[in-house]
C-alpha atoms as a PDB file:
ATOM      1  CA  MET A   1     127.239  80.429  64.845  1.00  0.00           C
ATOM      2  CA  GLU A   2     124.327  83.005  66.055  1.00  0.00           C
ATOM      3  CA  ASP A   3     121.830  79.733  65.195  1.00  0.00           C
ATOM      4  CA  GLU A   4     123.861  77.217  67.013  1.00  0.00           C
ATOM      5  CA  ILE A   5     123.467  79.213  70.088  1.00  0.00           C
ATOM      6  CA  ALA A   6     119.986  79.939  70.180  1.00  0.00           C
ATOM      7  CA  ASP A   7     118.953  76.292  69.679  1.00  0.00           C
ATOM      8  CA  LEU A   8     121.752  75.702  72.549  1.00  0.00           C
ATOM      9  CA  LEU A   9     119.783  78.199  75.039  1.00  0.00           C
ATOM     10  CA  GLU A  10     116.637  76.709  73.396  1.00  0.00           C
ATOM     11  CA  GLY A  11     118.090  72.955  74.475  1.00  0.00           C
ATOM     12  CA  PHE A  12     119.132  74.392  78.388  1.00  0.00           C
ATOM     13  CA  GLU A  13     115.981  75.715  78.488  1.00  0.00           C
ATOM     14  CA  LYS A  14     113.935  72.538  77.653  1.00  0.00           C
ATOM     15  CA  SER A  15     116.543  70.149  79.889  1.00  0.00           C
ATOM     16  CA  GLN A  16     115.282  72.860  82.721  1.00  0.00           C
ATOM     17  CA  GLU A  17     112.153  72.358  82.485  1.00  0.00           C
ATOM     18  CA  ALA A  18     112.574  68.557  82.318  1.00  0.00           C
ATOM     19  CA  GLY A  19     113.482  68.625  85.770  1.00  0.00           C
ATOM     20  CA  GLY A  20     116.214  66.450  85.403  1.00  0.00           C
ATOM     21  CA  LEU A  21     116.019  62.997  86.567  1.00  0.00           C
ATOM     22  CA  GLY A  22     112.204  62.673  87.449  1.00  0.00           C
ATOM     23  CA  GLY A  23     110.682  61.173  90.044  1.00  0.00           C
ATOM     24  CA  GLU A  24     108.906  63.515  92.208  1.00  0.00           C
ATOM     25  CA  ARG A  25     108.720  67.004  90.944  1.00  0.00           C
ATOM     26  CA  LYS A  26     107.809  70.043  93.005  1.00  0.00           C
ATOM     27  CA  GLU A  27     105.702  72.279  91.838  1.00  0.00           C
ATOM     28  CA  GLU A  28     107.540  75.485  90.706  1.00  0.00           C
ATOM     29  CA  PRO A  29     106.448  78.829  88.802  1.00  0.00           C
ATOM     30  CA  PRO A  30     107.391  79.013  85.675  1.00  0.00           C
ATOM     31  CA  LYS A  31     111.086  80.493  85.199  1.00  0.00           C
ATOM     32  CA  LYS A  32     110.899  83.419  82.818  1.00  0.00           C
ATOM     33  CA  GLN A  33     112.050  82.111  79.212  1.00  0.00           C
ATOM     34  CA  LEU A  34     114.206  84.512  76.380  1.00  0.00           C
ATOM     35  CA  SER A  35     111.851  85.552  73.764  1.00  0.00           C
ATOM     36  CA  GLU A  36     113.961  85.394  70.287  1.00  0.00           C
ATOM     37  CA  ALA A  37     114.443  89.104  70.241  1.00  0.00           C
ATOM     38  CA  GLN A  38     116.022  88.943  73.631  1.00  0.00           C
ATOM     39  CA  THR A  39     118.327  86.362  72.278  1.00  0.00           C
ATOM     40  CA  LYS A  40     119.301  87.852  69.165  1.00  0.00           C
ATOM     41  CA  ALA A  41     120.591  91.130  71.908  1.00  0.00           C
ATOM     42  CA  LEU A  42     122.290  88.902  73.728  1.00  0.00           C
ATOM     43  CA  VAL A  43     124.425  87.257  70.872  1.00  0.00           C
ATOM     44  CA  ALA A  44     124.946  90.928  69.340  1.00  0.00           C
ATOM     45  CA  GLU A  45     126.360  91.847  72.620  1.00  0.00           C
ATOM     46  CA  LEU A  46     129.027  89.376  72.429  1.00  0.00           C
ATOM     47  CA  ASN A  47     131.934  89.503  70.679  1.00  0.00           C
ATOM     48  CA  GLN A  48     132.992  86.422  68.559  1.00  0.00           C
ATOM     49  CA  GLN A  49     135.342  85.082  71.461  1.00  0.00           C
ATOM     50  CA  GLN A  50     132.474  85.155  73.980  1.00  0.00           C
ATOM     51  CA  ARG A  51     130.221  83.496  71.418  1.00  0.00           C
ATOM     52  CA  GLU A  52     132.277  80.959  71.451  1.00  0.00           C
ATOM     53  CA  GLU A  53     132.879  80.515  74.828  1.00  0.00           C
ATOM     54  CA  LEU A  54     129.045  80.852  75.741  1.00  0.00           C
ATOM     55  CA  CYS A  55     128.649  78.052  73.062  1.00  0.00           C
ATOM     56  CA  ARG A  56     131.321  75.736  74.644  1.00  0.00           C
ATOM     57  CA  VAL A  57     129.808  76.618  78.354  1.00  0.00           C
ATOM     58  CA  LEU A  58     126.236  75.846  77.256  1.00  0.00           C
ATOM     59  CA  LYS A  59     126.987  72.587  75.480  1.00  0.00           C
ATOM     60  CA  ALA A  60     128.825  71.285  78.384  1.00  0.00           C
ATOM     61  CA  GLN A  61     126.140  72.334  80.473  1.00  0.00           C
ATOM     62  CA  SER A  62     123.633  70.494  78.560  1.00  0.00           C
ATOM     63  CA  ASP A  63     126.141  67.186  78.720  1.00  0.00           C
ATOM     64  CA  GLY A  64     125.962  67.771  82.469  1.00  0.00           C
ATOM     65  CA  GLU A  65     129.151  68.874  83.472  1.00  0.00           C
ATOM     66  CA  LYS A  66     129.360  70.184  86.520  1.00  0.00           C
ATOM     67  CA  ASP A  67     132.436  72.494  86.608  1.00  0.00           C
ATOM     68  CA  LEU A  68     131.652  75.317  84.447  1.00  0.00           C
ATOM     69  CA  ARG A  69     134.146  78.121  83.686  1.00  0.00           C
ATOM     70  CA  LEU A  70     133.125  81.524  82.732  1.00  0.00           C
ATOM     71  CA  SER A  71     135.873  84.644  81.434  1.00  0.00           C
ATOM     72  CA  PRO A  72     135.085  87.735  83.861  1.00  0.00           C
ATOM     73  CA  GLU A  73     134.169  89.368  80.747  1.00  0.00           C
ATOM     74  CA  LEU A  74     131.384  87.079  79.551  1.00  0.00           C
ATOM     75  CA  ALA A  75     130.228  86.728  83.076  1.00  0.00           C
ATOM     76  CA  ARG A  76     129.934  90.340  83.393  1.00  0.00           C
ATOM     77  CA  VAL A  77     128.037  90.749  79.622  1.00  0.00           C
ATOM     78  CA  LEU A  78     125.799  87.938  81.532  1.00  0.00           C
ATOM     79  CA  HIS A  79     124.915  89.387  84.448  1.00  0.00           C
ATOM     80  CA  ARG A  80     124.034  92.439  82.759  1.00  0.00           C
ATOM     81  CA  PHE A  81     122.045  91.209  80.484  1.00  0.00           C
ATOM     82  CA  GLN A  82     119.966  89.235  83.031  1.00  0.00           C
ATOM     83  CA  ARG A  83     119.713  92.129  84.968  1.00  0.00           C
ATOM     84  CA  ARG A  84     118.009  94.071  82.156  1.00  0.00           C
ATOM     85  CA  ALA A  85     116.093  91.087  81.082  1.00  0.00           C
ATOM     86  CA  GLY A  86     114.724  90.672  84.690  1.00  0.00           C
ATOM     87  CA  LEU A  87     115.970  87.211  85.086  1.00  0.00           C
ATOM     88  CA  GLY A  88     117.154  85.656  88.455  1.00  0.00           C
ATOM     89  CA  PRO A  89     116.907  86.392  91.769  1.00  0.00           C
ATOM     90  CA  GLY A  90     115.360  90.122  92.505  1.00  0.00           C
ATOM     91  CA  GLY A  91     113.788  90.312  89.295  1.00  0.00           C
ATOM     92  CA  GLY A  92     115.379  93.492  87.771  1.00  0.00           C
ATOM     93  CA  TYR A  93     115.432  96.703  88.663  1.00  0.00           C
ATOM     94  CA  GLY A  94     112.107  97.740  89.832  1.00  0.00           C
ATOM     95  CA  GLU A  95     111.723  94.855  91.932  1.00  0.00           C
ATOM     96  CA  THR A  96     114.826  95.050  94.625  1.00  0.00           C
ATOM     97  CA  GLY A  97     112.613  96.531  97.460  1.00  0.00           C
ATOM     98  CA  ASP A  98     115.658  99.256  97.922  1.00  0.00           C
ATOM     99  CA  GLU A  99     113.465 103.104  98.186  1.00  0.00           C
ATOM    100  CA  THR A 100     115.863 105.876  96.816  1.00  0.00           C
ATOM    101  CA  TRP A 101     114.264 108.839  98.304  1.00  0.00           C
ATOM    102  CA  PRO A 102     115.428 108.168 101.777  1.00  0.00           C
ATOM    103  CA  MET A 103     118.643 108.568 100.202  1.00  0.00           C
ATOM    104  CA  TYR A 104     117.711 112.103  99.016  1.00  0.00           C
ATOM    105  CA  LEU A 105     115.589 113.324 101.633  1.00  0.00           C
ATOM    106  CA  GLY A 106     118.988 112.504 103.843  1.00  0.00           C
ATOM    107  CA  ILE A 107     121.217 114.504 101.557  1.00  0.00           C
ATOM    108  CA  VAL A 108     118.672 117.235 101.004  1.00  0.00           C
ATOM    109  CA  LEU A 109     118.382 117.658 104.932  1.00  0.00           C
ATOM    110  CA  PHE A 110     122.011 117.462 105.441  1.00  0.00           C
ATOM    111  CA  ILE A 111     122.393 121.055 102.934  1.00  0.00           C
ATOM    112  CA  VAL A 112     119.739 122.455 104.543  1.00  0.00           C
ATOM    113  CA  ILE A 113     120.454 122.327 108.562  1.00  0.00           C
ATOM    114  CA  THR A 114     124.293 123.018 106.921  1.00  0.00           C
ATOM    115  CA  ILE A 115     123.041 126.653 105.238  1.00  0.00           C
ATOM    116  CA  VAL A 116     121.380 127.106 108.528  1.00  0.00           C
ATOM    117  CA  PHE A 117     124.412 126.731 110.371  1.00  0.00           C
ATOM    118  CA  ILE A 118     126.108 128.886 108.320  1.00  0.00           C
ATOM    119  CA  VAL A 119     123.851 131.623 108.614  1.00  0.00           C
ATOM    120  CA  ILE A 120     123.676 131.547 112.171  1.00  0.00           C
ATOM    121  CA  TYR A 121     127.147 131.284 112.399  1.00  0.00           C
ATOM    122  CA  PHE A 122     127.408 134.646 110.174  1.00  0.00           C
ATOM    123  CA  GLN A 123     124.460 136.415 112.573  1.00  0.00           C
ATOM    124  CA  GLU A 124     126.308 135.450 115.806  1.00  0.00           C
ATOM    125  CA  ARG A 125     129.532 136.746 114.610  1.00  0.00           C
ATOM    126  CA  ALA A 126     128.151 139.972 113.325  1.00  0.00           C
ATOM    127  CA  ALA A 127     126.807 140.584 116.538  1.00  0.00           C
ATOM    128  CA  SER A 128     129.912 139.901 118.550  1.00  0.00           C
ATOM    129  CA  ASP A 129     131.499 142.331 116.054  1.00  0.00           C
ATOM    130  CA  LEU A 130     129.050 145.189 117.185  1.00  0.00           C
ATOM    131  CA  GLU A 131     129.326 144.360 120.794  1.00  0.00           C
ATOM    132  CA  GLU A 132     133.018 144.909 120.751  1.00  0.00           C
ATOM    133  CA  ARG A 133     132.768 148.322 119.130  1.00  0.00           C
ATOM    134  CA  GLU A 134     130.415 149.234 121.388  1.00  0.00           C
ATOM    135  CA  SER A 135     132.839 148.030 123.922  1.00  0.00           C
ATOM    136  CA  GLU A 136     135.273 150.004 123.030  1.00  0.00           C
ATOM    137  CA  GLU A 137     133.742 153.521 122.479  1.00  0.00           C
ATOM    138  CA  ASP A 138     133.678 156.054 125.371  1.00  0.00           C
ATOM    139  CA  THR A 139     131.866 156.167 128.058  1.00  0.00           C
ATOM    140  CA  TYR A 140     131.863 159.330 128.751  1.00  0.00           C
ATOM    141  CA  TRP A 141     130.358 159.933 125.533  1.00  0.00           C
ATOM    142  CA  PHE A 142     127.075 157.418 126.529  1.00  0.00           C
ATOM    143  CA  MET A 143     127.010 159.707 129.757  1.00  0.00           C
ATOM    144  CA  ARG A 144     126.865 163.378 128.218  1.00  0.00           C
ATOM    145  CA  ASP A 145     123.733 164.939 127.612  1.00  0.00           C
ATOM    146  CA  PHE A 146     123.720 167.209 124.556  1.00  0.00           C
ATOM    147  CA  GLY A 147     121.539 169.867 124.057  1.00  0.00           C
END
């Protein structure tokens, strides 16, 4: 079964390279192909039912069928494998162009500013408590000269 899937994958890749009906072809950069180790890793990741479905879909695709349906489980496994192998649009994890450091910088700034506001709040509260205590004392004791 694994050999049959590997043969179908190779046949599919060759048919994609051939470019279909011929005629004028635009020069496209060569597509990445799966190595034998990657093919074996994909087959090892699939259960028996998913292997059979993949075999059926690849055979239908090589026959030229247009309307191909994948089960959600197989589609999820294939998308994950495609991302891990760096195939498809985007080319993988590192080449997406999304930087993560601005997000972490924003989180750190939020935490620092929150801590600063909390410290200022408690300082202001302590100062207002001190002013209240001073205002509650009798002014007689401030005017009187001791000594």
